[in-house]
């Protein structure tokens, strides 16, 4: 669902997108980053071993305020431009998230989601703040990679 632009989120779900354009000279370096778990690791997550592969299941994890939050996921698509995953039972959010750089050099972090349980619904405002902050971090990571790839030339 999130691999391509989403016109509107399904009922009860929220669409979130952040994007940034990168110079043509940086596109390949950014594509290599966003098609690997290294991208999520740089955002502060513990990540599965190996590379994202369609159908692969794994666990992302992140510490917040000393608590380790476990996020089970299943990769729904993966290629040289990025990857997307759906959340699995036990994840605080129900939905899908993807990271992709297109042929024009535009990176997009996109998610369609909602809190997964009634408890997480109670914490929805905090989840929204965390999601926005994390998507902003994704854009900064891409911009940093683009900058460092052109500096090394």
N, C-alpha and C. Protein backbone atom coordinates (compact mmCIF):
# COMPACT_ATOMS: atom_id res chain seq x y z
N UNK A 1 0.81 -1.19 0.00
CA UNK A 1 0.00 0.00 0.00
C UNK A 1 0.86 1.27 0.00
N UNK A 2 2.01 1.27 0.68
CA UNK A 2 2.79 2.50 0.81
C UNK A 2 3.93 2.62 -0.19
N UNK A 3 4.08 1.63 -1.06
CA UNK A 3 5.18 1.69 -2.04
C UNK A 3 5.02 2.88 -2.98
N UNK A 4 3.79 3.13 -3.38
CA UNK A 4 3.48 4.22 -4.31
C UNK A 4 2.67 5.29 -3.57
N UNK A 5 2.55 6.48 -4.15
CA UNK A 5 1.78 7.53 -3.49
C UNK A 5 0.38 7.04 -3.09
N UNK A 6 -0.06 7.51 -1.93
CA UNK A 6 -1.37 7.15 -1.39
C UNK A 6 -2.23 8.40 -1.45
N UNK A 7 -3.35 8.31 -2.16
CA UNK A 7 -4.24 9.48 -2.27
C UNK A 7 -4.94 9.77 -0.95
N UNK A 8 -5.41 8.71 -0.30
CA UNK A 8 -6.11 8.88 0.98
C UNK A 8 -5.94 7.59 1.78
N UNK A 9 -5.79 7.75 3.06
CA UNK A 9 -5.67 6.59 3.93
C UNK A 9 -7.02 5.90 4.07
N UNK A 10 -7.00 4.57 4.24
CA UNK A 10 -8.27 3.88 4.51
C UNK A 10 -8.92 4.43 5.78
N UNK A 11 -10.22 4.27 5.88
CA UNK A 11 -10.96 4.78 7.03
C UNK A 11 -10.35 4.28 8.34
N UNK A 12 -10.17 5.20 9.27
CA UNK A 12 -9.61 4.87 10.57
C UNK A 12 -8.09 4.86 10.63
N UNK A 13 -7.45 5.09 9.49
CA UNK A 13 -5.99 5.07 9.42
C UNK A 13 -5.50 6.49 9.12
N UNK A 14 -4.23 6.71 9.41
CA UNK A 14 -3.63 8.03 9.20
C UNK A 14 -2.47 7.89 8.22
N UNK A 15 -2.43 8.79 7.23
CA UNK A 15 -1.33 8.84 6.27
C UNK A 15 -0.31 9.85 6.75
N UNK A 16 0.95 9.45 6.71
CA UNK A 16 2.04 10.35 7.05
C UNK A 16 3.13 10.21 6.00
N UNK A 17 3.61 11.34 5.49
CA UNK A 17 4.69 11.33 4.50
C UNK A 17 5.68 12.43 4.80
N UNK A 18 6.94 12.11 4.62
CA UNK A 18 8.01 13.11 4.66
C UNK A 18 8.90 12.81 3.47
N UNK A 19 9.39 13.85 2.81
CA UNK A 19 10.23 13.63 1.64
C UNK A 19 11.32 14.67 1.55
N UNK A 20 12.31 14.35 0.73
CA UNK A 20 13.38 15.28 0.43
C UNK A 20 13.99 14.88 -0.91
N UNK A 21 14.40 15.87 -1.68
CA UNK A 21 15.07 15.60 -2.95
C UNK A 21 16.57 15.55 -2.72
N UNK A 22 17.24 14.64 -3.43
CA UNK A 22 18.69 14.55 -3.35
C UNK A 22 19.28 14.78 -4.74
N UNK A 23 20.51 15.25 -4.76
CA UNK A 23 21.19 15.50 -6.04
C UNK A 23 21.39 14.18 -6.80
N UNK A 24 21.37 14.25 -8.12
CA UNK A 24 21.56 13.02 -8.91
C UNK A 24 22.84 12.26 -8.54
N UNK A 25 23.90 12.97 -8.20
CA UNK A 25 25.16 12.32 -7.85
C UNK A 25 25.05 11.50 -6.57
N UNK A 26 24.04 11.78 -5.74
CA UNK A 26 23.88 11.09 -4.45
C UNK A 26 22.83 9.99 -4.50
N UNK A 27 22.09 9.90 -5.59
CA UNK A 27 20.96 8.97 -5.64
C UNK A 27 21.36 7.53 -5.34
N UNK A 28 22.42 7.03 -5.96
CA UNK A 28 22.81 5.63 -5.76
C UNK A 28 23.20 5.35 -4.31
N UNK A 29 23.92 6.27 -3.68
CA UNK A 29 24.32 6.08 -2.29
C UNK A 29 23.10 6.07 -1.38
N UNK A 30 22.16 6.96 -1.63
CA UNK A 30 20.95 7.01 -0.82
C UNK A 30 20.11 5.75 -1.06
N UNK A 31 20.01 5.31 -2.32
CA UNK A 31 19.26 4.08 -2.62
C UNK A 31 19.87 2.88 -1.88
N UNK A 32 21.19 2.79 -1.86
CA UNK A 32 21.84 1.67 -1.16
C UNK A 32 21.51 1.72 0.34
N UNK A 33 21.46 2.91 0.89
CA UNK A 33 21.15 3.05 2.32
C UNK A 33 19.70 2.68 2.61
N UNK A 34 18.76 3.26 1.86
CA UNK A 34 17.33 3.07 2.19
C UNK A 34 16.80 1.71 1.77
N UNK A 35 17.60 0.92 1.09
CA UNK A 35 17.17 -0.44 0.76
C UNK A 35 17.77 -1.46 1.72
N UNK A 36 18.34 -0.96 2.83
CA UNK A 36 18.96 -1.85 3.83
C UNK A 36 18.44 -1.52 5.24
N UNK A 37 18.63 -2.45 6.15
CA UNK A 37 18.26 -2.20 7.55
C UNK A 37 19.16 -1.15 8.18
N UNK A 38 20.31 -0.87 7.58
CA UNK A 38 21.21 0.16 8.09
C UNK A 38 20.46 1.49 8.26
N UNK A 39 19.53 1.74 7.36
CA UNK A 39 18.74 2.97 7.43
C UNK A 39 18.01 3.06 8.77
N UNK A 40 17.33 1.99 9.16
CA UNK A 40 16.60 1.99 10.44
C UNK A 40 17.58 1.99 11.62
N UNK A 41 18.72 1.31 11.46
CA UNK A 41 19.71 1.30 12.54
C UNK A 41 20.20 2.73 12.83
N UNK A 42 20.45 3.49 11.78
CA UNK A 42 20.90 4.88 11.97
C UNK A 42 19.82 5.73 12.64
N UNK A 43 18.59 5.31 12.55
CA UNK A 43 17.49 6.03 13.20
C UNK A 43 17.32 5.59 14.65
N UNK A 44 18.19 4.69 15.12
CA UNK A 44 18.17 4.30 16.52
C UNK A 44 17.48 2.99 16.84
N UNK A 45 17.17 2.20 15.82
CA UNK A 45 16.49 0.93 16.04
C UNK A 45 17.47 -0.23 16.07
N UNK A 46 17.16 -1.24 16.87
CA UNK A 46 17.79 -2.54 16.71
C UNK A 46 17.09 -3.17 15.52
N UNK A 47 17.84 -3.82 14.64
CA UNK A 47 17.27 -4.32 13.38
C UNK A 47 17.54 -5.81 13.20
N UNK A 48 16.77 -6.47 12.33
CA UNK A 48 17.02 -7.88 12.03
C UNK A 48 18.37 -8.06 11.32
N UNK A 49 18.86 -9.29 11.35
CA UNK A 49 20.07 -9.63 10.59
C UNK A 49 19.72 -9.69 9.10
N UNK A 50 20.73 -9.58 8.27
CA UNK A 50 20.54 -9.68 6.83
C UNK A 50 19.97 -8.41 6.25
N UNK A 51 19.45 -8.55 5.05
CA UNK A 51 18.85 -7.42 4.35
C UNK A 51 17.34 -7.60 4.26
N UNK A 52 16.58 -6.52 4.11
CA UNK A 52 15.14 -6.67 3.93
C UNK A 52 14.86 -7.50 2.66
N UNK A 53 14.01 -8.50 2.79
CA UNK A 53 13.63 -9.35 1.66
C UNK A 53 12.13 -9.60 1.75
N UNK A 54 11.46 -9.53 0.63
CA UNK A 54 10.02 -9.73 0.59
C UNK A 54 9.63 -11.02 1.31
N UNK A 55 8.70 -10.89 2.25
CA UNK A 55 8.21 -12.04 3.02
C UNK A 55 8.96 -12.30 4.31
N UNK A 56 10.14 -11.69 4.47
CA UNK A 56 10.93 -11.92 5.67
C UNK A 56 10.26 -11.26 6.88
N UNK A 57 10.27 -11.97 7.99
CA UNK A 57 9.76 -11.41 9.24
C UNK A 57 10.93 -11.13 10.16
N UNK A 58 10.77 -10.13 11.00
CA UNK A 58 11.82 -9.77 11.94
C UNK A 58 11.26 -8.86 13.01
N UNK A 59 12.16 -8.40 13.85
CA UNK A 59 11.77 -7.53 14.95
C UNK A 59 12.66 -6.30 14.94
N UNK A 60 12.01 -5.16 14.94
CA UNK A 60 12.68 -3.89 15.18
C UNK A 60 12.49 -3.60 16.66
N UNK A 61 13.42 -2.90 17.27
CA UNK A 61 13.26 -2.54 18.68
C UNK A 61 13.91 -1.18 18.90
N UNK A 62 13.36 -0.47 19.87
CA UNK A 62 13.88 0.86 20.19
C UNK A 62 13.68 1.11 21.68
N UNK A 63 14.66 1.75 22.27
CA UNK A 63 14.55 2.13 23.69
C UNK A 63 14.08 3.57 23.78
N UNK A 64 13.06 3.76 24.60
CA UNK A 64 12.56 5.10 24.91
C UNK A 64 12.36 5.18 26.41
N UNK A 65 12.98 6.16 27.03
CA UNK A 65 12.85 6.38 28.46
C UNK A 65 13.21 5.11 29.24
N UNK A 66 14.22 4.39 28.75
CA UNK A 66 14.69 3.19 29.43
C UNK A 66 13.87 1.94 29.19
N UNK A 67 12.81 2.03 28.40
CA UNK A 67 11.96 0.88 28.10
C UNK A 67 12.23 0.45 26.67
N UNK A 68 12.42 -0.86 26.46
CA UNK A 68 12.67 -1.39 25.12
C UNK A 68 11.33 -1.79 24.51
N UNK A 69 10.97 -1.12 23.41
CA UNK A 69 9.74 -1.41 22.68
C UNK A 69 10.08 -2.33 21.51
N UNK A 70 9.38 -3.45 21.44
CA UNK A 70 9.60 -4.44 20.40
C UNK A 70 8.54 -4.24 19.32
N UNK A 71 8.99 -4.27 18.06
CA UNK A 71 8.11 -4.00 16.93
C UNK A 71 8.24 -5.10 15.88
N UNK A 72 7.43 -6.16 15.96
CA UNK A 72 7.47 -7.21 14.94
C UNK A 72 6.97 -6.68 13.58
N UNK A 73 7.68 -7.07 12.51
CA UNK A 73 7.34 -6.62 11.16
C UNK A 73 7.50 -7.75 10.16
N UNK A 74 6.86 -7.57 9.00
CA UNK A 74 7.05 -8.47 7.85
C UNK A 74 7.27 -7.60 6.63
N UNK A 75 8.36 -7.83 5.91
CA UNK A 75 8.69 -7.05 4.71
C UNK A 75 7.69 -7.43 3.61
N UNK A 76 7.02 -6.42 3.04
CA UNK A 76 6.04 -6.67 1.99
C UNK A 76 6.60 -6.41 0.60
N UNK A 77 7.66 -5.63 0.51
CA UNK A 77 8.37 -5.44 -0.76
C UNK A 77 9.77 -4.93 -0.45
N UNK A 78 10.69 -5.27 -1.32
CA UNK A 78 12.07 -4.80 -1.19
C UNK A 78 12.72 -4.85 -2.56
N UNK A 79 13.40 -3.77 -2.92
CA UNK A 79 14.16 -3.74 -4.17
C UNK A 79 15.28 -2.71 -4.02
N UNK A 80 15.93 -2.38 -5.12
CA UNK A 80 17.08 -1.47 -5.07
C UNK A 80 16.71 -0.03 -4.73
N UNK A 81 15.41 0.29 -4.70
CA UNK A 81 14.99 1.66 -4.39
C UNK A 81 14.54 1.83 -2.94
N UNK A 82 14.39 0.74 -2.19
CA UNK A 82 13.95 0.82 -0.80
C UNK A 82 13.19 -0.42 -0.39
N UNK A 83 12.38 -0.28 0.64
CA UNK A 83 11.57 -1.41 1.11
C UNK A 83 10.39 -0.90 1.93
N UNK A 84 9.44 -1.80 2.13
CA UNK A 84 8.27 -1.49 2.94
C UNK A 84 7.93 -2.69 3.80
N UNK A 85 7.36 -2.42 4.96
CA UNK A 85 6.95 -3.53 5.83
C UNK A 85 5.60 -3.25 6.44
N UNK A 86 4.93 -4.35 6.80
CA UNK A 86 3.69 -4.24 7.56
C UNK A 86 4.00 -4.62 8.99
N UNK A 87 3.23 -4.06 9.90
CA UNK A 87 3.43 -4.41 11.31
C UNK A 87 2.74 -5.74 11.59
N UNK A 88 3.22 -6.42 12.60
CA UNK A 88 2.70 -7.72 13.00
C UNK A 88 2.16 -7.59 14.43
N UNK A 89 1.40 -8.59 14.88
CA UNK A 89 0.89 -8.55 16.26
C UNK A 89 2.01 -8.31 17.27
N UNK A 90 1.73 -7.42 18.21
CA UNK A 90 2.72 -7.03 19.21
C UNK A 90 3.35 -5.67 18.92
N UNK A 91 3.16 -5.15 17.72
CA UNK A 91 3.67 -3.82 17.35
C UNK A 91 2.70 -2.79 17.90
N UNK A 92 3.18 -1.67 18.42
CA UNK A 92 2.27 -0.63 18.94
C UNK A 92 1.37 -0.01 17.87
N UNK A 93 1.77 -0.12 16.62
CA UNK A 93 1.03 0.48 15.52
C UNK A 93 0.57 -0.63 14.58
N UNK A 94 -0.61 -0.45 14.02
CA UNK A 94 -1.10 -1.35 12.98
C UNK A 94 -0.99 -0.59 11.67
N UNK A 95 -0.32 -1.18 10.67
CA UNK A 95 -0.24 -0.51 9.39
C UNK A 95 0.96 -0.92 8.58
N UNK A 96 1.39 0.00 7.74
CA UNK A 96 2.50 -0.25 6.83
C UNK A 96 3.37 0.99 6.73
N UNK A 97 4.67 0.78 6.53
CA UNK A 97 5.61 1.88 6.40
C UNK A 97 6.60 1.53 5.29
N UNK A 98 7.01 2.54 4.53
CA UNK A 98 7.99 2.30 3.48
C UNK A 98 8.97 3.46 3.37
N UNK A 99 10.10 3.13 2.74
CA UNK A 99 11.19 4.07 2.51
C UNK A 99 11.65 3.85 1.09
N UNK A 100 11.65 4.91 0.29
CA UNK A 100 11.95 4.72 -1.12
C UNK A 100 12.53 5.98 -1.72
N UNK A 101 13.48 5.80 -2.63
CA UNK A 101 13.95 6.92 -3.44
C UNK A 101 13.56 6.62 -4.89
N UNK A 102 12.90 7.57 -5.53
CA UNK A 102 12.41 7.32 -6.89
C UNK A 102 13.45 7.71 -7.94
N UNK A 103 13.10 7.52 -9.19
CA UNK A 103 14.02 7.78 -10.30
C UNK A 103 14.42 9.25 -10.40
N UNK A 104 13.58 10.14 -9.89
CA UNK A 104 13.90 11.57 -9.91
C UNK A 104 14.75 12.01 -8.71
N UNK A 105 15.07 11.07 -7.83
CA UNK A 105 15.90 11.40 -6.68
C UNK A 105 15.12 11.94 -5.50
N UNK A 106 13.85 11.63 -5.41
CA UNK A 106 13.04 12.08 -4.28
C UNK A 106 12.88 10.91 -3.31
N UNK A 107 13.34 11.11 -2.09
CA UNK A 107 13.18 10.11 -1.04
C UNK A 107 11.85 10.39 -0.34
N UNK A 108 11.09 9.32 -0.07
CA UNK A 108 9.83 9.45 0.67
C UNK A 108 9.77 8.38 1.76
N UNK A 109 9.51 8.83 2.98
CA UNK A 109 9.14 7.93 4.08
C UNK A 109 7.64 8.07 4.21
N UNK A 110 6.93 6.95 4.08
CA UNK A 110 5.47 7.00 4.05
C UNK A 110 4.92 5.94 4.98
N UNK A 111 3.88 6.28 5.73
CA UNK A 111 3.20 5.28 6.55
C UNK A 111 1.70 5.51 6.52
N UNK A 112 0.99 4.41 6.64
CA UNK A 112 -0.45 4.41 6.80
C UNK A 112 -0.68 3.56 8.04
N UNK A 113 -1.24 4.17 9.09
CA UNK A 113 -1.27 3.45 10.35
C UNK A 113 -2.33 3.96 11.31
N UNK A 114 -2.49 3.20 12.37
CA UNK A 114 -3.32 3.58 13.51
C UNK A 114 -2.77 2.81 14.71
N UNK A 115 -3.07 3.26 15.93
CA UNK A 115 -2.65 2.48 17.10
C UNK A 115 -3.23 1.06 17.03
N UNK A 116 -2.46 0.08 17.49
CA UNK A 116 -2.86 -1.32 17.31
C UNK A 116 -3.86 -1.84 18.33
N UNK A 117 -3.89 -1.27 19.52
CA UNK A 117 -4.79 -1.76 20.57
C UNK A 117 -5.42 -0.58 21.29
N UNK A 118 -6.39 -0.88 22.13
CA UNK A 118 -7.05 0.19 22.88
C UNK A 118 -6.06 0.92 23.78
N UNK A 119 -5.08 0.20 24.35
CA UNK A 119 -4.07 0.86 25.19
C UNK A 119 -3.26 1.85 24.37
N UNK A 120 -2.83 1.42 23.19
CA UNK A 120 -2.06 2.32 22.34
C UNK A 120 -2.93 3.46 21.82
N UNK A 121 -4.24 3.24 21.69
CA UNK A 121 -5.14 4.33 21.28
C UNK A 121 -5.15 5.43 22.35
N UNK A 122 -5.08 5.01 23.61
CA UNK A 122 -5.02 5.99 24.69
C UNK A 122 -3.74 6.83 24.60
N UNK A 123 -2.69 6.22 24.09
CA UNK A 123 -1.39 6.89 23.97
C UNK A 123 -1.17 7.48 22.57
N UNK A 124 -2.23 7.56 21.77
CA UNK A 124 -2.12 8.02 20.38
C UNK A 124 -1.41 9.37 20.23
N UNK A 125 -1.69 10.37 21.09
CA UNK A 125 -0.97 11.64 20.91
C UNK A 125 0.55 11.47 21.03
N UNK A 126 0.99 10.66 21.96
CA UNK A 126 2.43 10.42 22.11
C UNK A 126 2.98 9.65 20.91
N UNK A 127 2.22 8.66 20.42
CA UNK A 127 2.65 7.91 19.24
C UNK A 127 2.80 8.83 18.03
N UNK A 128 1.87 9.77 17.88
CA UNK A 128 1.92 10.70 16.76
C UNK A 128 3.16 11.58 16.83
N UNK A 129 3.48 12.07 18.00
CA UNK A 129 4.68 12.90 18.17
C UNK A 129 5.92 12.07 17.85
N UNK A 130 5.99 10.84 18.34
CA UNK A 130 7.14 9.98 18.06
C UNK A 130 7.25 9.67 16.57
N UNK A 131 6.12 9.41 15.93
CA UNK A 131 6.15 9.10 14.50
C UNK A 131 6.64 10.30 13.69
N UNK A 132 6.15 11.46 14.00
CA UNK A 132 6.59 12.68 13.29
C UNK A 132 8.08 12.92 13.49
N UNK A 133 8.53 12.75 14.72
CA UNK A 133 9.94 12.94 15.04
C UNK A 133 10.81 11.93 14.28
N UNK A 134 10.36 10.69 14.24
CA UNK A 134 11.12 9.64 13.56
C UNK A 134 11.16 9.89 12.06
N UNK A 135 10.05 10.30 11.46
CA UNK A 135 10.06 10.60 10.03
C UNK A 135 10.98 11.78 9.72
N UNK A 136 11.03 12.76 10.60
CA UNK A 136 11.98 13.86 10.43
C UNK A 136 13.41 13.36 10.50
N UNK A 137 13.67 12.42 11.39
CA UNK A 137 15.00 11.82 11.51
C UNK A 137 15.36 11.09 10.22
N UNK A 138 14.41 10.37 9.62
CA UNK A 138 14.67 9.68 8.36
C UNK A 138 15.14 10.66 7.28
N UNK A 139 14.48 11.79 7.18
CA UNK A 139 14.85 12.80 6.18
C UNK A 139 16.27 13.31 6.46
N UNK A 140 16.59 13.58 7.71
CA UNK A 140 17.94 14.05 8.06
C UNK A 140 19.00 12.99 7.73
N UNK A 141 18.69 11.72 7.98
CA UNK A 141 19.63 10.64 7.66
C UNK A 141 19.90 10.60 6.17
N UNK A 142 18.86 10.73 5.36
CA UNK A 142 19.02 10.74 3.90
C UNK A 142 19.83 11.96 3.47
N UNK A 143 19.54 13.12 4.02
CA UNK A 143 20.28 14.33 3.66
C UNK A 143 21.76 14.19 4.05
N UNK A 144 22.03 13.63 5.23
CA UNK A 144 23.42 13.42 5.65
C UNK A 144 24.14 12.45 4.71
N UNK A 145 23.46 11.37 4.32
CA UNK A 145 24.06 10.40 3.40
C UNK A 145 24.34 11.05 2.05
N UNK A 146 23.39 11.83 1.57
CA UNK A 146 23.58 12.53 0.29
C UNK A 146 24.77 13.48 0.36
N UNK A 147 24.86 14.22 1.46
CA UNK A 147 25.98 15.16 1.62
C UNK A 147 27.32 14.43 1.70
N UNK A 148 27.37 13.35 2.47
CA UNK A 148 28.65 12.64 2.62
C UNK A 148 29.04 11.91 1.34
N UNK A 149 28.08 11.47 0.54
CA UNK A 149 28.42 10.77 -0.69
C UNK A 149 29.00 11.73 -1.73
N UNK A 150 28.56 12.98 -1.74
CA UNK A 150 29.11 13.93 -2.71
C UNK A 150 30.42 14.52 -2.21
N UNK A 151 30.63 14.57 -0.89
CA UNK A 151 31.90 15.06 -0.35
C UNK A 151 33.04 14.09 -0.63
N UNK A 152 32.73 12.79 -0.67
CA UNK A 152 33.78 11.80 -0.87
C UNK A 152 34.19 11.66 -2.33
N UNK A 153 33.56 12.40 -3.23
CA UNK A 153 33.92 12.31 -4.65
C UNK A 153 35.01 13.26 -5.00
